[in-house]
């Protein structure tokens, strides 16, 4: 079920991927897969630390043009094969983050022909943060990530 969206604070898109839902789930939940799709190329993921449970960590580090960026967050909801919700509003141990940016919601369902209907939602604290994320390239960036995810996952099918 897709949550009700607030156009003032939420960004969202849906795509159909030509990869089975379970494989998309595995790519999002196993650390060895994350570096292959999680940030738009040529940027790179340099570290991933996942503890897949509600309250568990989802920590990543990126190399963007030689600058390392650390992102620490926690899972808020884990529904195997269907839903993954994580936020940078908290870090592990439910410690509030000093400058939270967003909560991500990924929804997966079966698509006709064996594919996956993939919905990504980014929820922000206020309209200014949403606007900033959109201007930073939410649709291009997250869209590129999904394209990379689909290509990587297809390679795992052979």
C-alpha atoms as a PDB file:
ATOM      1  CA  UNK A   1       0.000   0.000   0.000  1.00  0.00           C
ATOM      2  CA  UNK A   2       1.369   3.380  -1.014  1.00  0.00           C
ATOM      3  CA  UNK A   3       1.249   5.884   1.841  1.00  0.00           C
ATOM      4  CA  UNK A   4      -0.604   9.119   1.328  1.00  0.00           C
ATOM      5  CA  UNK A   5       1.783  11.679  -0.105  1.00  0.00           C
ATOM      6  CA  UNK A   6       2.071  15.302   0.899  1.00  0.00           C
ATOM      7  CA  UNK A   7       3.053  17.337  -2.181  1.00  0.00           C
ATOM      8  CA  UNK A   8       4.568  20.002   0.071  1.00  0.00           C
ATOM      9  CA  UNK A   9       7.065  17.684   1.725  1.00  0.00           C
ATOM     10  CA  UNK A  10       7.280  14.441  -0.287  1.00  0.00           C
ATOM     11  CA  UNK A  11       8.996  13.465  -3.521  1.00  0.00           C
ATOM     12  CA  UNK A  12       8.126  10.205  -5.246  1.00  0.00           C
ATOM     13  CA  UNK A  13       8.283   8.171  -8.420  1.00  0.00           C
ATOM     14  CA  UNK A  14       7.343   4.673  -9.543  1.00  0.00           C
ATOM     15  CA  UNK A  15       9.015   2.487 -12.138  1.00  0.00           C
ATOM     16  CA  UNK A  16       8.596  -1.018 -13.429  1.00  0.00           C
ATOM     17  CA  UNK A  17      11.821  -3.013 -13.342  1.00  0.00           C
ATOM     18  CA  UNK A  18      12.470  -6.121 -15.440  1.00  0.00           C
ATOM     19  CA  UNK A  19      13.875  -7.993 -12.448  1.00  0.00           C
ATOM     20  CA  UNK A  20      12.083 -10.187  -9.885  1.00  0.00           C
ATOM     21  CA  UNK A  21      11.094  -8.432  -6.673  1.00  0.00           C
ATOM     22  CA  UNK A  22      13.101 -10.776  -4.429  1.00  0.00           C
ATOM     23  CA  UNK A  23      16.314  -9.910  -6.267  1.00  0.00           C
ATOM     24  CA  UNK A  24      15.648  -6.178  -5.910  1.00  0.00           C
ATOM     25  CA  UNK A  25      15.057  -6.762  -2.202  1.00  0.00           C
ATOM     26  CA  UNK A  26      18.362  -8.633  -1.864  1.00  0.00           C
ATOM     27  CA  UNK A  27      20.219  -5.819  -3.614  1.00  0.00           C
ATOM     28  CA  UNK A  28      18.809  -3.278  -1.159  1.00  0.00           C
ATOM     29  CA  UNK A  29      19.401  -5.350   1.965  1.00  0.00           C
ATOM     30  CA  UNK A  30      22.781  -7.055   1.499  1.00  0.00           C
ATOM     31  CA  UNK A  31      25.854  -4.847   1.884  1.00  0.00           C
ATOM     32  CA  UNK A  32      27.852  -6.465  -0.910  1.00  0.00           C
ATOM     33  CA  UNK A  33      25.301  -5.218  -3.459  1.00  0.00           C
ATOM     34  CA  UNK A  34      24.880  -1.594  -2.357  1.00  0.00           C
ATOM     35  CA  UNK A  35      28.129  -0.234  -3.899  1.00  0.00           C
ATOM     36  CA  UNK A  36      26.991  -1.398  -7.331  1.00  0.00           C
ATOM     37  CA  UNK A  37      24.024   0.958  -7.593  1.00  0.00           C
ATOM     38  CA  UNK A  38      23.424   3.196  -4.573  1.00  0.00           C
ATOM     39  CA  UNK A  39      24.929   6.462  -5.836  1.00  0.00           C
ATOM     40  CA  UNK A  40      24.966   7.755  -9.408  1.00  0.00           C
ATOM     41  CA  UNK A  41      28.189   6.897 -11.258  1.00  0.00           C
ATOM     42  CA  UNK A  42      30.922   8.087 -11.339  1.00  0.00           C
ATOM     43  CA  UNK A  43      30.477   8.667  -7.600  1.00  0.00           C
ATOM     44  CA  UNK A  44      31.261   5.643  -5.458  1.00  0.00           C
ATOM     45  CA  UNK A  45      30.069   3.976  -2.297  1.00  0.00           C
ATOM     46  CA  UNK A  46      33.162   3.343  -0.178  1.00  0.00           C
ATOM     47  CA  UNK A  47      31.577   1.677   2.869  1.00  0.00           C
ATOM     48  CA  UNK A  48      28.299  -0.017   3.823  1.00  0.00           C
ATOM     49  CA  UNK A  49      27.221  -1.236   7.236  1.00  0.00           C
ATOM     50  CA  UNK A  50      23.767  -2.810   7.455  1.00  0.00           C
ATOM     51  CA  UNK A  51      21.934  -4.249  10.459  1.00  0.00           C
ATOM     52  CA  UNK A  52      18.613  -5.130   8.842  1.00  0.00           C
ATOM     53  CA  UNK A  53      16.062  -4.795  11.626  1.00  0.00           C
ATOM     54  CA  UNK A  54      13.868  -2.017  12.970  1.00  0.00           C
ATOM     55  CA  UNK A  55      16.278   0.247  14.832  1.00  0.00           C
ATOM     56  CA  UNK A  56      19.251  -1.302  13.039  1.00  0.00           C
ATOM     57  CA  UNK A  57      21.809   0.775  11.212  1.00  0.00           C
ATOM     58  CA  UNK A  58      21.962   1.655   7.536  1.00  0.00           C
ATOM     59  CA  UNK A  59      25.278   3.457   7.267  1.00  0.00           C
ATOM     60  CA  UNK A  60      27.001   4.327   4.026  1.00  0.00           C
ATOM     61  CA  UNK A  61      29.949   6.427   2.912  1.00  0.00           C
ATOM     62  CA  UNK A  62      30.250   7.997  -0.531  1.00  0.00           C
ATOM     63  CA  UNK A  63      33.141   9.413  -2.471  1.00  0.00           C
ATOM     64  CA  UNK A  64      31.810  12.375  -4.434  1.00  0.00           C
ATOM     65  CA  UNK A  65      34.510  14.088  -6.459  1.00  0.00           C
ATOM     66  CA  UNK A  66      37.117  13.121  -3.874  1.00  0.00           C
ATOM     67  CA  UNK A  67      35.005  14.230  -0.883  1.00  0.00           C
ATOM     68  CA  UNK A  68      33.927  11.485   1.497  1.00  0.00           C
ATOM     69  CA  UNK A  69      30.381  11.864   2.790  1.00  0.00           C
ATOM     70  CA  UNK A  70      29.130   9.685   5.643  1.00  0.00           C
ATOM     71  CA  UNK A  71      25.428   8.949   5.976  1.00  0.00           C
ATOM     72  CA  UNK A  72      24.200   7.291   9.149  1.00  0.00           C
ATOM     73  CA  UNK A  73      20.651   6.168   9.607  1.00  0.00           C
ATOM     74  CA  UNK A  74      18.336   3.532  10.949  1.00  0.00           C
ATOM     75  CA  UNK A  75      15.618   1.303   9.628  1.00  0.00           C
ATOM     76  CA  UNK A  76      12.151   2.290  10.765  1.00  0.00           C
ATOM     77  CA  UNK A  77      10.264  -0.519   9.029  1.00  0.00           C
ATOM     78  CA  UNK A  78      11.366  -3.735   7.373  1.00  0.00           C
ATOM     79  CA  UNK A  79       8.770  -5.870   5.592  1.00  0.00           C
ATOM     80  CA  UNK A  80      10.767  -8.553   3.771  1.00  0.00           C
ATOM     81  CA  UNK A  81      10.379  -8.325   0.017  1.00  0.00           C
ATOM     82  CA  UNK A  82       7.868  -5.473   0.211  1.00  0.00           C
ATOM     83  CA  UNK A  83       8.867  -2.401   2.158  1.00  0.00           C
ATOM     84  CA  UNK A  84      11.985  -0.753   3.487  1.00  0.00           C
ATOM     85  CA  UNK A  85      11.855   2.514   5.445  1.00  0.00           C
ATOM     86  CA  UNK A  86      14.990   4.219   6.688  1.00  0.00           C
ATOM     87  CA  UNK A  87      15.871   7.667   7.927  1.00  0.00           C
ATOM     88  CA  UNK A  88      18.806   9.848   8.795  1.00  0.00           C
ATOM     89  CA  UNK A  89      16.632  11.464  11.481  1.00  0.00           C
ATOM     90  CA  UNK A  90      18.098   8.975  13.932  1.00  0.00           C
ATOM     91  CA  UNK A  91      21.251   6.966  14.253  1.00  0.00           C
ATOM     92  CA  UNK A  92      21.599   3.534  15.816  1.00  0.00           C
ATOM     93  CA  UNK A  93      20.366   3.401  19.400  1.00  0.00           C
ATOM     94  CA  UNK A  94      17.636   5.919  18.531  1.00  0.00           C
ATOM     95  CA  UNK A  95      19.963   8.863  18.907  1.00  0.00           C
ATOM     96  CA  UNK A  96      18.489  11.915  17.144  1.00  0.00           C
ATOM     97  CA  UNK A  97      20.637  13.202  14.298  1.00  0.00           C
ATOM     98  CA  UNK A  98      21.663  16.851  14.572  1.00  0.00           C
ATOM     99  CA  UNK A  99      20.650  17.729  11.013  1.00  0.00           C
ATOM    100  CA  UNK A 100      18.216  15.155   9.640  1.00  0.00           C
ATOM    101  CA  UNK A 101      17.378  15.409   5.969  1.00  0.00           C
ATOM    102  CA  UNK A 102      14.782  12.815   5.044  1.00  0.00           C
ATOM    103  CA  UNK A 103      13.085   9.486   5.424  1.00  0.00           C
ATOM    104  CA  UNK A 104      13.169   7.085   2.477  1.00  0.00           C
ATOM    105  CA  UNK A 105      10.389   4.615   1.751  1.00  0.00           C
ATOM    106  CA  UNK A 106      10.918   1.889  -0.836  1.00  0.00           C
ATOM    107  CA  UNK A 107       7.898  -0.154  -1.885  1.00  0.00           C
ATOM    108  CA  UNK A 108       8.201  -3.302  -3.975  1.00  0.00           C
ATOM    109  CA  UNK A 109       5.443  -5.371  -5.544  1.00  0.00           C
ATOM    110  CA  UNK A 110       5.189  -7.893  -8.339  1.00  0.00           C
ATOM    111  CA  UNK A 111       4.746  -6.481 -11.830  1.00  0.00           C
ATOM    112  CA  UNK A 112       3.304  -8.372 -14.791  1.00  0.00           C
ATOM    113  CA  UNK A 113       5.839 -10.588 -16.539  1.00  0.00           C
ATOM    114  CA  UNK A 114       7.903 -11.308 -13.442  1.00  0.00           C
ATOM    115  CA  UNK A 115       9.200  -7.793 -12.869  1.00  0.00           C
ATOM    116  CA  UNK A 116       8.968  -5.419  -9.956  1.00  0.00           C
ATOM    117  CA  UNK A 117       6.923  -2.312  -9.406  1.00  0.00           C
ATOM    118  CA  UNK A 118       9.344  -0.041  -7.558  1.00  0.00           C
ATOM    119  CA  UNK A 119       8.184   3.066  -5.728  1.00  0.00           C
ATOM    120  CA  UNK A 120      10.624   5.422  -4.036  1.00  0.00           C
ATOM    121  CA  UNK A 121       9.407   8.114  -1.662  1.00  0.00           C
ATOM    122  CA  UNK A 122      11.518  10.743   0.066  1.00  0.00           C
ATOM    123  CA  UNK A 123       9.792  12.482   2.959  1.00  0.00           C
ATOM    124  CA  UNK A 124      11.179  15.741   4.289  1.00  0.00           C
ATOM    125  CA  UNK A 125      10.628  17.743   7.462  1.00  0.00           C
ATOM    126  CA  UNK A 126       9.398  20.830   5.650  1.00  0.00           C
ATOM    127  CA  UNK A 127       8.733  22.256   2.156  1.00  0.00           C
ATOM    128  CA  UNK A 128      12.128  23.995   2.083  1.00  0.00           C
ATOM    129  CA  UNK A 129      14.006  20.737   2.528  1.00  0.00           C
ATOM    130  CA  UNK A 130      11.833  19.052  -0.093  1.00  0.00           C
ATOM    131  CA  UNK A 131      12.511  21.878  -2.541  1.00  0.00           C
ATOM    132  CA  UNK A 132      16.231  21.720  -1.822  1.00  0.00           C
ATOM    133  CA  UNK A 133      16.242  17.951  -2.487  1.00  0.00           C
ATOM    134  CA  UNK A 134      14.364  18.406  -5.739  1.00  0.00           C
ATOM    135  CA  UNK A 135      16.788  21.144  -6.844  1.00  0.00           C
ATOM    136  CA  UNK A 136      19.743  18.900  -5.918  1.00  0.00           C
ATOM    137  CA  UNK A 137      18.422  16.484  -8.524  1.00  0.00           C
ATOM    138  CA  UNK A 138      16.171  14.023  -6.711  1.00  0.00           C
ATOM    139  CA  UNK A 139      14.518  12.739  -9.862  1.00  0.00           C
ATOM    140  CA  UNK A 140      17.696  12.469 -11.922  1.00  0.00           C
ATOM    141  CA  UNK A 141      19.791  11.104  -9.053  1.00  0.00           C
ATOM    142  CA  UNK A 142      17.348   8.614  -7.631  1.00  0.00           C
ATOM    143  CA  UNK A 143      16.266   7.729 -11.165  1.00  0.00           C
ATOM    144  CA  UNK A 144      19.870   6.975 -12.071  1.00  0.00           C
ATOM    145  CA  UNK A 145      20.188   4.817  -8.967  1.00  0.00           C
ATOM    146  CA  UNK A 146      17.163   2.759 -10.052  1.00  0.00           C
ATOM    147  CA  UNK A 147      18.553   2.394 -13.569  1.00  0.00           C
ATOM    148  CA  UNK A 148      21.874   1.225 -12.102  1.00  0.00           C
ATOM    149  CA  UNK A 149      20.037  -1.115  -9.707  1.00  0.00           C
ATOM    150  CA  UNK A 150      18.070  -2.731 -12.515  1.00  0.00           C
ATOM    151  CA  UNK A 151      21.177  -3.210 -14.686  1.00  0.00           C
ATOM    152  CA  UNK A 152      23.164  -4.655 -11.785  1.00  0.00           C
ATOM    153  CA  UNK A 153      20.339  -6.982 -10.720  1.00  0.00           C
ATOM    154  CA  UNK A 154      19.874  -8.205 -14.307  1.00  0.00           C
ATOM    155  CA  UNK A 155      23.537  -9.203 -14.256  1.00  0.00           C
ATOM    156  CA  UNK A 156      22.882 -11.321 -11.172  1.00  0.00           C
ATOM    157  CA  UNK A 157      20.146 -13.245 -13.019  1.00  0.00           C
ATOM    158  CA  UNK A 158      22.544 -14.925 -15.451  1.00  0.00           C
END
